[in-house]
Amino acid sequence: MWSNFIGMTLPGLVGSTVTILAIVLSTRLRHKKLDLEIDAAQDSVWLDLVKQSRVEYALQRKENNRLRYIIHHLQEEVSDLEKKNAELLRQITSLKHDNPD
């Protein structure tokens, strides 16, 4: 009687244990896979952010160079205008001295 009971119960216990272990292991594997997918997604986001910041930096450098070029030429123009202004002031002063009305 006990041998029949053990003979019938033991396979059921072994099957249940195997099933429970399979569920636990598959759950752990799913969690590990999910963690790896999350890490990969975070890495992808970081790479996108790095690429975006590099693009923004390049655009900012390009804009800064353009502004430096404009400033340089405007400074030259201001310098030329100041020279012309000084020359015109000299001419006005000399004309005032020549014609003392």
PDB file of N, CA and C in Angstrom:
ATOM      1  N   MET A   1       0.804  -1.186   0.000  1.00  0.00           N
ATOM      2  CA  MET A   1       0.000   0.000   0.000  1.00  0.00           C
ATOM      3  C   MET A   1       0.857   1.264   0.000  1.00  0.00           C
ATOM      4  N   TRP A   2       1.884   1.312   0.882  1.00  0.00           N
ATOM      5  CA  TRP A   2       2.741   2.488   0.905  1.00  0.00           C
ATOM      6  C   TRP A   2       3.551   2.595  -0.377  1.00  0.00           C
ATOM      7  N   SER A   3       3.948   1.489  -0.894  1.00  0.00           N
ATOM      8  CA  SER A   3       4.739   1.536  -2.125  1.00  0.00           C
ATOM      9  C   SER A   3       3.890   2.058  -3.286  1.00  0.00           C
ATOM     10  N   ASN A   4       2.624   1.675  -3.329  1.00  0.00           N
ATOM     11  CA  ASN A   4       1.726   2.224  -4.360  1.00  0.00           C
ATOM     12  C   ASN A   4       1.525   3.718  -4.161  1.00  0.00           C
ATOM     13  N   PHE A   5       1.365   4.142  -2.888  1.00  0.00           N
ATOM     14  CA  PHE A   5       1.171   5.564  -2.590  1.00  0.00           C
ATOM     15  C   PHE A   5       2.399   6.371  -2.992  1.00  0.00           C
ATOM     16  N   ILE A   6       3.582   5.865  -2.615  1.00  0.00           N
ATOM     17  CA  ILE A   6       4.833   6.558  -2.974  1.00  0.00           C
ATOM     18  C   ILE A   6       5.043   6.505  -4.480  1.00  0.00           C
ATOM     19  N   GLY A   7       4.726   5.373  -5.073  1.00  0.00           N
ATOM     20  CA  GLY A   7       4.883   5.242  -6.521  1.00  0.00           C
ATOM     21  C   GLY A   7       3.991   6.211  -7.276  1.00  0.00           C
ATOM     22  N   MET A   8       2.843   6.532  -6.746  1.00  0.00           N
ATOM     23  CA  MET A   8       1.940   7.475  -7.416  1.00  0.00           C
ATOM     24  C   MET A   8       2.246   8.924  -7.016  1.00  0.00           C
ATOM     25  N   THR A   9       2.689   9.175  -5.775  1.00  0.00           N
ATOM     26  CA  THR A   9       2.894  10.525  -5.281  1.00  0.00           C
ATOM     27  C   THR A   9       4.232  11.094  -5.722  1.00  0.00           C
ATOM     28  N   LEU A  10       5.261  10.266  -5.721  1.00  0.00           N
ATOM     29  CA  LEU A  10       6.608  10.739  -6.055  1.00  0.00           C
ATOM     30  C   LEU A  10       6.690  11.361  -7.449  1.00  0.00           C
ATOM     31  N   PRO A  11       6.146  10.735  -8.486  1.00  0.00           N
ATOM     32  CA  PRO A  11       6.190  11.390  -9.795  1.00  0.00           C
ATOM     33  C   PRO A  11       5.427  12.718  -9.815  1.00  0.00           C
ATOM     34  N   GLY A  12       4.349  12.782  -9.069  1.00  0.00           N
ATOM     35  CA  GLY A  12       3.598  14.042  -9.003  1.00  0.00           C
ATOM     36  C   GLY A  12       4.390  15.124  -8.308  1.00  0.00           C
ATOM     37  N   LEU A  13       5.072  14.761  -7.217  1.00  0.00           N
ATOM     38  CA  LEU A  13       5.909  15.735  -6.510  1.00  0.00           C
ATOM     39  C   LEU A  13       7.081  16.196  -7.368  1.00  0.00           C
ATOM     40  N   VAL A  14       7.709  15.243  -8.035  1.00  0.00           N
ATOM     41  CA  VAL A  14       8.834  15.590  -8.922  1.00  0.00           C
ATOM     42  C   VAL A  14       8.344  16.493 -10.055  1.00  0.00           C
ATOM     43  N   GLY A  15       7.220  16.174 -10.649  1.00  0.00           N
ATOM     44  CA  GLY A  15       6.662  16.994 -11.730  1.00  0.00           C
ATOM     45  C   GLY A  15       6.320  18.395 -11.249  1.00  0.00           C
ATOM     46  N   SER A  16       5.714  18.485 -10.064  1.00  0.00           N
ATOM     47  CA  SER A  16       5.373  19.794  -9.505  1.00  0.00           C
ATOM     48  C   SER A  16       6.629  20.608  -9.222  1.00  0.00           C
ATOM     49  N   THR A  17       7.651  19.956  -8.672  1.00  0.00           N
ATOM     50  CA  THR A  17       8.909  20.638  -8.373  1.00  0.00           C
ATOM     51  C   THR A  17       9.561  21.143  -9.657  1.00  0.00           C
ATOM     52  N   VAL A  18       9.574  20.281 -10.666  1.00  0.00           N
ATOM     53  CA  VAL A  18      10.158  20.682 -11.952  1.00  0.00           C
ATOM     54  C   VAL A  18       9.373  21.849 -12.546  1.00  0.00           C
ATOM     55  N   THR A  19       8.068  21.803 -12.466  1.00  0.00           N
ATOM     56  CA  THR A  19       7.226  22.878 -13.002  1.00  0.00           C
ATOM     57  C   THR A  19       7.490  24.191 -12.270  1.00  0.00           C
ATOM     58  N   ILE A  20       7.548  24.118 -10.932  1.00  0.00           N
ATOM     59  CA  ILE A  20       7.804  25.324 -10.141  1.00  0.00           C
ATOM     60  C   ILE A  20       9.188  25.889 -10.457  1.00  0.00           C
ATOM     61  N   LEU A  21      10.199  25.024 -10.536  1.00  0.00           N
ATOM     62  CA  LEU A  21      11.548  25.478 -10.876  1.00  0.00           C
ATOM     63  C   LEU A  21      11.584  26.106 -12.277  1.00  0.00           C
ATOM     64  N   ALA A  22      10.861  25.505 -13.218  1.00  0.00           N
ATOM     65  CA  ALA A  22      10.818  26.050 -14.579  1.00  0.00           C
ATOM     66  C   ALA A  22      10.179  27.437 -14.577  1.00  0.00           C
ATOM     67  N   ILE A  23       9.119  27.609 -13.822  1.00  0.00           N
ATOM     68  CA  ILE A  23       8.452  28.917 -13.734  1.00  0.00           C
ATOM     69  C   ILE A  23       9.393  29.951 -13.119  1.00  0.00           C
ATOM     70  N   VAL A  24      10.064  29.581 -12.014  1.00  0.00           N
ATOM     71  CA  VAL A  24      10.994  30.502 -11.341  1.00  0.00           C
ATOM     72  C   VAL A  24      12.141  30.880 -12.278  1.00  0.00           C
ATOM     73  N   LEU A  25      12.724  29.874 -12.941  1.00  0.00           N
ATOM     74  CA  LEU A  25      13.843  30.151 -13.839  1.00  0.00           C
ATOM     75  C   LEU A  25      13.418  30.996 -15.036  1.00  0.00           C
ATOM     76  N   SER A  26      12.262  30.698 -15.605  1.00  0.00           N
ATOM     77  CA  SER A  26      11.821  31.490 -16.759  1.00  0.00           C
ATOM     78  C   SER A  26      11.509  32.928 -16.341  1.00  0.00           C
ATOM     79  N   THR A  27      10.977  33.100 -15.132  1.00  0.00           N
ATOM     80  CA  THR A  27      10.719  34.453 -14.627  1.00  0.00           C
ATOM     81  C   THR A  27      12.025  35.212 -14.443  1.00  0.00           C
ATOM     82  N   ARG A  28      13.020  34.542 -13.879  1.00  0.00           N
ATOM     83  CA  ARG A  28      14.327  35.186 -13.710  1.00  0.00           C
ATOM     84  C   ARG A  28      14.937  35.552 -15.050  1.00  0.00           C
ATOM     85  N   LEU A  29      14.846  34.626 -16.002  1.00  0.00           N
ATOM     86  CA  LEU A  29      15.389  34.914 -17.340  1.00  0.00           C
ATOM     87  C   LEU A  29      14.667  36.081 -17.993  1.00  0.00           C
ATOM     88  N   ARG A  30      13.343  36.130 -17.817  1.00  0.00           N
ATOM     89  CA  ARG A  30      12.577  37.252 -18.367  1.00  0.00           C
ATOM     90  C   ARG A  30      13.020  38.571 -17.746  1.00  0.00           C
ATOM     91  N   HIS A  31      13.234  38.560 -16.417  1.00  0.00           N
ATOM     92  CA  HIS A  31      13.677  39.772 -15.739  1.00  0.00           C
ATOM     93  C   HIS A  31      15.066  40.195 -16.218  1.00  0.00           C
ATOM     94  N   LYS A  32      15.958  39.208 -16.384  1.00  0.00           N
ATOM     95  CA  LYS A  32      17.295  39.528 -16.878  1.00  0.00           C
ATOM     96  C   LYS A  32      17.226  40.099 -18.285  1.00  0.00           C
ATOM     97  N   LYS A  33      16.386  39.472 -19.120  1.00  0.00           N
ATOM     98  CA  LYS A  33      16.235  39.956 -20.493  1.00  0.00           C
ATOM     99  C   LYS A  33      15.653  41.360 -20.499  1.00  0.00           C
ATOM    100  N   LEU A  34      14.670  41.600 -19.638  1.00  0.00           N
ATOM    101  CA  LEU A  34      14.072  42.925 -19.543  1.00  0.00           C
ATOM    102  C   LEU A  34      15.094  43.947 -19.064  1.00  0.00           C
ATOM    103  N   ASP A  35      15.910  43.562 -18.075  1.00  0.00           N
ATOM    104  CA  ASP A  35      16.964  44.457 -17.594  1.00  0.00           C
ATOM    105  C   ASP A  35      17.955  44.787 -18.700  1.00  0.00           C
ATOM    106  N   LEU A  36      18.326  43.762 -19.494  1.00  0.00           N
ATOM    107  CA  LEU A  36      19.243  43.994 -20.608  1.00  0.00           C
ATOM    108  C   LEU A  36      18.613  44.915 -21.649  1.00  0.00           C
ATOM    109  N   GLU A  37      17.323  44.730 -21.927  1.00  0.00           N
ATOM    110  CA  GLU A  37      16.636  45.595 -22.888  1.00  0.00           C
ATOM    111  C   GLU A  37      16.561  47.026 -22.368  1.00  0.00           C
ATOM    112  N   ILE A  38      16.325  47.166 -21.061  1.00  0.00           N
ATOM    113  CA  ILE A  38      16.279  48.511 -20.466  1.00  0.00           C
ATOM    114  C   ILE A  38      17.658  49.163 -20.564  1.00  0.00           C
ATOM    115  N   ASP A  39      18.701  48.402 -20.250  1.00  0.00           N
ATOM    116  CA  ASP A  39      20.062  48.933 -20.353  1.00  0.00           C
ATOM    117  C   ASP A  39      20.382  49.340 -21.791  1.00  0.00           C
ATOM    118  N   ALA A  40      19.991  48.502 -22.735  1.00  0.00           N
ATOM    119  CA  ALA A  40      20.237  48.815 -24.151  1.00  0.00           C
ATOM    120  C   ALA A  40      19.476  50.066 -24.560  1.00  0.00           C
ATOM    121  N   ALA A  41      18.248  50.208 -24.084  1.00  0.00           N
ATOM    122  CA  ALA A  41      17.462  51.403 -24.412  1.00  0.00           C
ATOM    123  C   ALA A  41      18.097  52.643 -23.799  1.00  0.00           C
ATOM    124  N   GLN A  42      18.571  52.530 -22.554  1.00  0.00           N
ATOM    125  CA  GLN A  42      19.226  53.667 -21.919  1.00  0.00           C
ATOM    126  C   GLN A  42      20.510  54.032 -22.657  1.00  0.00           C
ATOM    127  N   ASP A  43      21.269  53.018 -23.070  1.00  0.00           N
ATOM    128  CA  ASP A  43      22.483  53.278 -23.850  1.00  0.00           C
ATOM    129  C   ASP A  43      22.138  53.984 -25.156  1.00  0.00           C
ATOM    130  N   SER A  44      21.070  53.549 -25.784  1.00  0.00           N
ATOM    131  CA  SER A  44      20.636  54.164 -27.028  1.00  0.00           C
ATOM    132  C   SER A  44      20.250  55.621 -26.806  1.00  0.00           C
ATOM    133  N   VAL A  45      19.551  55.872 -25.712  1.00  0.00           N
ATOM    134  CA  VAL A  45      19.158  57.258 -25.392  1.00  0.00           C
ATOM    135  C   VAL A  45      20.397  58.106 -25.154  1.00  0.00           C
ATOM    136  N   TRP A  46      21.360  57.573 -24.391  1.00  0.00           N
ATOM    137  CA  TRP A  46      22.586  58.322 -24.136  1.00  0.00           C
ATOM    138  C   TRP A  46      23.341  58.598 -25.424  1.00  0.00           C
ATOM    139  N   LEU A  47      23.412  57.608 -26.306  1.00  0.00           N
ATOM    140  CA  LEU A  47      24.098  57.818 -27.582  1.00  0.00           C
ATOM    141  C   LEU A  47      23.401  58.892 -28.406  1.00  0.00           C
ATOM    142  N   ASP A  48      22.077  58.865 -28.416  1.00  0.00           N
ATOM    143  CA  ASP A  48      21.332  59.901 -29.128  1.00  0.00           C
ATOM    144  C   ASP A  48      21.593  61.279 -28.533  1.00  0.00           C
ATOM    145  N   LEU A  49      21.655  61.349 -27.203  1.00  0.00           N
ATOM    146  CA  LEU A  49      21.940  62.631 -26.550  1.00  0.00           C
ATOM    147  C   LEU A  49      23.341  63.128 -26.884  1.00  0.00           C
ATOM    148  N   VAL A  50      24.302  62.202 -26.917  1.00  0.00           N
ATOM    149  CA  VAL A  50      25.673  62.590 -27.273  1.00  0.00           C
ATOM    150  C   VAL A  50      25.726  63.088 -28.712  1.00  0.00           C
ATOM    151  N   LYS A  51      25.065  62.368 -29.614  1.00  0.00           N
ATOM    152  CA  LYS A  51      25.034  62.795 -31.015  1.00  0.00           C
ATOM    153  C   LYS A  51      24.378  64.166 -31.139  1.00  0.00           C
ATOM    154  N   GLN A  52      23.261  64.354 -30.442  1.00  0.00           N
ATOM    155  CA  GLN A  52      22.549  65.629 -30.496  1.00  0.00           C
ATOM    156  C   GLN A  52      23.419  66.758 -29.946  1.00  0.00           C
ATOM    157  N   SER A  53      24.120  66.508 -28.852  1.00  0.00           N
ATOM    158  CA  SER A  53      24.955  67.564 -28.277  1.00  0.00           C
ATOM    159  C   SER A  53      26.125  67.887 -29.206  1.00  0.00           C
ATOM    160  N   ARG A  54      26.653  66.877 -29.889  1.00  0.00           N
ATOM    161  CA  ARG A  54      27.733  67.137 -30.856  1.00  0.00           C
ATOM    162  C   ARG A  54      27.231  67.982 -32.020  1.00  0.00           C
ATOM    163  N   VAL A  55      26.043  67.671 -32.498  1.00  0.00           N
ATOM    164  CA  VAL A  55      25.457  68.448 -33.594  1.00  0.00           C
ATOM    165  C   VAL A  55      25.212  69.885 -33.136  1.00  0.00           C
ATOM    166  N   GLU A  56      24.651  70.038 -31.932  1.00  0.00           N
ATOM    167  CA  GLU A  56      24.396  71.383 -31.411  1.00  0.00           C
ATOM    168  C   GLU A  56      25.696  72.150 -31.227  1.00  0.00           C
ATOM    169  N   TYR A  57      26.738  71.476 -30.749  1.00  0.00           N
ATOM    170  CA  TYR A  57      28.032  72.128 -30.561  1.00  0.00           C
ATOM    171  C   TYR A  57      28.598  72.581 -31.902  1.00  0.00           C
ATOM    172  N   ALA A  58      28.502  71.718 -32.912  1.00  0.00           N
ATOM    173  CA  ALA A  58      29.005  72.075 -34.250  1.00  0.00           C
ATOM    174  C   ALA A  58      28.243  73.264 -34.808  1.00  0.00           C
ATOM    175  N   LEU A  59      26.916  73.258 -34.635  1.00  0.00           N
ATOM    176  CA  LEU A  59      26.118  74.391 -35.114  1.00  0.00           C
ATOM    177  C   LEU A  59      26.476  75.669 -34.364  1.00  0.00           C
ATOM    178  N   GLN A  60      26.698  75.550 -33.071  1.00  0.00           N
ATOM    179  CA  GLN A  60      27.055  76.723 -32.266  1.00  0.00           C
ATOM    180  C   GLN A  60      28.421  77.265 -32.695  1.00  0.00           C
ATOM    181  N   ARG A  61      29.368  76.363 -32.944  1.00  0.00           N
ATOM    182  CA  ARG A  61      30.686  76.812 -33.420  1.00  0.00           C
ATOM    183  C   ARG A  61      30.561  77.515 -34.770  1.00  0.00           C
ATOM    184  N   LYS A  62      29.748  76.947 -35.642  1.00  0.00           N
ATOM    185  CA  LYS A  62      29.561  77.552 -36.964  1.00  0.00           C
ATOM    186  C   LYS A  62      28.956  78.952 -36.825  1.00  0.00           C
ATOM    187  N   GLU A  63      27.952  79.084 -35.960  1.00  0.00           N
ATOM    188  CA  GLU A  63      27.323  80.386 -35.741  1.00  0.00           C
ATOM    189  C   GLU A  63      28.306  81.369 -35.108  1.00  0.00           C
ATOM    190  N   ASN A  64      29.103  80.900 -34.150  1.00  0.00           N
ATOM    191  CA  ASN A  64      30.096  81.771 -33.521  1.00  0.00           C
ATOM    192  C   ASN A  64      31.132  82.252 -34.533  1.00  0.00           C
ATOM    193  N   ASN A  65      31.571  81.347 -35.402  1.00  0.00           N
ATOM    194  CA  ASN A  65      32.530  81.744 -36.443  1.00  0.00           C
ATOM    195  C   ASN A  65      31.917  82.771 -37.387  1.00  0.00           C
ATOM    196  N   ARG A  66      30.660  82.570 -37.728  1.00  0.00           N
ATOM    197  CA  ARG A  66      29.977  83.529 -38.610  1.00  0.00           C
ATOM    198  C   ARG A  66      29.881  84.897 -37.936  1.00  0.00           C
ATOM    199  N   LEU A  67      29.543  84.898 -36.656  1.00  0.00           N
ATOM    200  CA  LEU A  67      29.439  86.163 -35.925  1.00  0.00           C
ATOM    201  C   LEU A  67      30.797  86.840 -35.781  1.00  0.00           C
ATOM    202  N   ARG A  68      31.859  86.050 -35.552  1.00  0.00           N
ATOM    203  CA  ARG A  68      33.205  86.636 -35.494  1.00  0.00           C
ATOM    204  C   ARG A  68      33.577  87.292 -36.818  1.00  0.00           C
ATOM    205  N   TYR A  69      33.236  86.628 -37.915  1.00  0.00           N
ATOM    206  CA  TYR A  69      33.512  87.178 -39.243  1.00  0.00           C
ATOM    207  C   TYR A  69      32.776  88.502 -39.436  1.00  0.00           C
ATOM    208  N   ILE A  70      31.500  88.525 -39.058  1.00  0.00           N
ATOM    209  CA  ILE A  70      30.702  89.754 -39.184  1.00  0.00           C
ATOM    210  C   ILE A  70      31.283  90.854 -38.308  1.00  0.00           C
ATOM    211  N   ILE A  71      31.625  90.527 -37.069  1.00  0.00           N
ATOM    212  CA  ILE A  71      32.182  91.522 -36.145  1.00  0.00           C
ATOM    213  C   ILE A  71      33.488  92.084 -36.683  1.00  0.00           C
ATOM    214  N   HIS A  72      34.324  91.211 -37.211  1.00  0.00           N
ATOM    215  CA  HIS A  72      35.604  91.663 -37.757  1.00  0.00           C
ATOM    216  C   HIS A  72      35.383  92.685 -38.867  1.00  0.00           C
ATOM    217  N   HIS A  73      34.481  92.380 -39.778  1.00  0.00           N
ATOM    218  CA  HIS A  73      34.233  93.300 -40.888  1.00  0.00           C
ATOM    219  C   HIS A  73      33.536  94.571 -40.413  1.00  0.00           C
ATOM    220  N   LEU A  74      32.669  94.465 -39.437  1.00  0.00           N
ATOM    221  CA  LEU A  74      32.038  95.664 -38.898  1.00  0.00           C
ATOM    222  C   LEU A  74      33.060  96.546 -38.188  1.00  0.00           C
ATOM    223  N   GLN A  75      34.011  95.932 -37.493  1.00  0.00           N
ATOM    224  CA  GLN A  75      35.056  96.717 -36.838  1.00  0.00           C
ATOM    225  C   GLN A  75      35.907  97.452 -37.866  1.00  0.00           C
ATOM    226  N   GLU A  76      36.214  96.800 -38.967  1.00  0.00           N
ATOM    227  CA  GLU A  76      36.952  97.461 -40.045  1.00  0.00           C
ATOM    228  C   GLU A  76      36.155  98.634 -40.604  1.00  0.00           C
ATOM    229  N   GLU A  77      34.873  98.408 -40.800  1.00  0.00           N
ATOM    230  CA  GLU A  77      34.010  99.462 -41.335  1.00  0.00           C
ATOM    231  C   GLU A  77      33.920 100.637 -40.363  1.00  0.00           C
ATOM    232  N   VAL A  78      33.784 100.348 -39.071  1.00  0.00           N
ATOM    233  CA  VAL A  78      33.733 101.401 -38.060  1.00  0.00           C
ATOM    234  C   VAL A  78      35.041 102.180 -38.059  1.00  0.00           C
ATOM    235  N   SER A  79      36.145 101.473 -38.149  1.00  0.00           N
ATOM    236  CA  SER A  79      37.454 102.129 -38.184  1.00  0.00           C
ATOM    237  C   SER A  79      37.561 103.064 -39.390  1.00  0.00           C
ATOM    238  N   ASP A  80      37.141 102.579 -40.568  1.00  0.00           N
ATOM    239  CA  ASP A  80      37.155 103.415 -41.766  1.00  0.00           C
ATOM    240  C   ASP A  80      36.259 104.638 -41.601  1.00  0.00           C
ATOM    241  N   LEU A  81      35.074 104.441 -41.030  1.00  0.00           N
ATOM    242  CA  LEU A  81      34.148 105.566 -40.830  1.00  0.00           C
ATOM    243  C   LEU A  81      34.702 106.576 -39.822  1.00  0.00           C
ATOM    244  N   GLU A  82      35.397 106.080 -38.801  1.00  0.00           N
ATOM    245  CA  GLU A  82      36.004 106.998 -37.834  1.00  0.00           C
ATOM    246  C   GLU A  82      37.103 107.825 -38.494  1.00  0.00           C
ATOM    247  N   LYS A  83      37.879 107.201 -39.383  1.00  0.00           N
ATOM    248  CA  LYS A  83      38.910 107.942 -40.111  1.00  0.00           C
ATOM    249  C   LYS A  83      38.283 109.005 -41.003  1.00  0.00           C
ATOM    250  N   LYS A  84      37.217 108.629 -41.715  1.00  0.00           N
ATOM    251  CA  LYS A  84      36.525 109.591 -42.580  1.00  0.00           C
ATOM    252  C   LYS A  84      35.926 110.722 -41.754  1.00  0.00           C
ATOM    253  N   ASN A  85      35.372 110.381 -40.587  1.00  0.00           N
ATOM    254  CA  ASN A  85      34.795 111.382 -39.706  1.00  0.00           C
ATOM    255  C   ASN A  85      35.867 112.358 -39.227  1.00  0.00           C
ATOM    256  N   ALA A  86      37.018 111.826 -38.846  1.00  0.00           N
ATOM    257  CA  ALA A  86      38.116 112.698 -38.402  1.00  0.00           C
ATOM    258  C   ALA A  86      38.568 113.606 -39.534  1.00  0.00           C
ATOM    259  N   GLU A  87      38.659 113.054 -40.734  1.00  0.00           N
ATOM    260  CA  GLU A  87      39.065 113.862 -41.898  1.00  0.00           C
ATOM    261  C   GLU A  87      38.035 114.957 -42.186  1.00  0.00           C
ATOM    262  N   LEU A  88      36.744 114.607 -42.106  1.00  0.00           N
ATOM    263  CA  LEU A  88      35.701 115.609 -42.344  1.00  0.00           C
ATOM    264  C   LEU A  88      35.727 116.683 -41.259  1.00  0.00           C
ATOM    265  N   LEU A  89      35.993 116.314 -40.018  1.00  0.00           N
ATOM    266  CA  LEU A  89      36.100 117.299 -38.941  1.00  0.00           C
ATOM    267  C   LEU A  89      37.269 118.249 -39.198  1.00  0.00           C
ATOM    268  N   ARG A  90      38.388 117.712 -39.691  1.00  0.00           N
ATOM    269  CA  ARG A  90      39.529 118.573 -40.032  1.00  0.00           C
ATOM    270  C   ARG A  90      39.160 119.537 -41.147  1.00  0.00           C
ATOM    271  N   GLN A  91      38.440 119.018 -42.161  1.00  0.00           N
ATOM    272  CA  GLN A  91      38.036 119.887 -43.268  1.00  0.00           C
ATOM    273  C   GLN A  91      37.082 120.976 -42.786  1.00  0.00           C
ATOM    274  N   ILE A  92      36.142 120.612 -41.923  1.00  0.00           N
ATOM    275  CA  ILE A  92      35.193 121.598 -41.389  1.00  0.00           C
ATOM    276  C   ILE A  92      35.940 122.655 -40.583  1.00  0.00           C
ATOM    277  N   THR A  93      36.878 122.209 -39.761  1.00  0.00           N
ATOM    278  CA  THR A  93      37.654 123.149 -38.943  1.00  0.00           C
ATOM    279  C   THR A  93      38.472 124.077 -39.825  1.00  0.00           C
ATOM    280  N   SER A  94      39.103 123.530 -40.857  1.00  0.00           N
ATOM    281  CA  SER A  94      39.903 124.383 -41.750  1.00  0.00           C
ATOM    282  C   SER A  94      39.012 125.350 -42.526  1.00  0.00           C
ATOM    283  N   LEU A  95      37.802 124.914 -42.910  1.00  0.00           N
ATOM    284  CA  LEU A  95      36.882 125.809 -43.615  1.00  0.00           C
ATOM    285  C   LEU A  95      36.393 126.928 -42.686  1.00  0.00           C
ATOM    286  N   LYS A  96      36.187 126.621 -41.424  1.00  0.00           N
ATOM    287  CA  LYS A  96      35.761 127.638 -40.468  1.00  0.00           C
ATOM    288  C   LYS A  96      36.864 128.668 -40.256  1.00  0.00           C
ATOM    289  N   HIS A  97      38.106 128.214 -40.242  1.00  0.00           N
ATOM    290  CA  HIS A  97      39.223 129.152 -40.067  1.00  0.00           C
ATOM    291  C   HIS A  97      39.439 129.995 -41.308  1.00  0.00           C
ATOM    292  N   ASP A  98      39.208 129.403 -42.472  1.00  0.00           N
ATOM    293  CA  ASP A  98      39.390 130.142 -43.725  1.00  0.00           C
ATOM    294  C   ASP A  98      38.279 131.163 -43.934  1.00  0.00           C
ATOM    295  N   ASN A  99      37.077 130.885 -43.501  1.00  0.00           N
ATOM    296  CA  ASN A  99      35.939 131.796 -43.659  1.00  0.00           C
ATOM    297  C   ASN A  99      35.392 132.140 -42.259  1.00  0.00           C
ATOM    298  N   PRO A 100      35.925 133.192 -41.671  1.00  0.00           N
ATOM    299  CA  PRO A 100      35.523 133.531 -40.306  1.00  0.00           C
ATOM    300  C   PRO A 100      34.192 134.255 -40.198  1.00  0.00           C
ATOM    301  N   ASP A 101      33.298 134.167 -41.019  1.00  0.00           N
ATOM    302  CA  ASP A 101      32.001 134.892 -41.027  1.00  0.00           C
ATOM    303  C   ASP A 101      31.584 135.114 -39.664  1.00  0.00           C
TER     304      ASP A 101
END
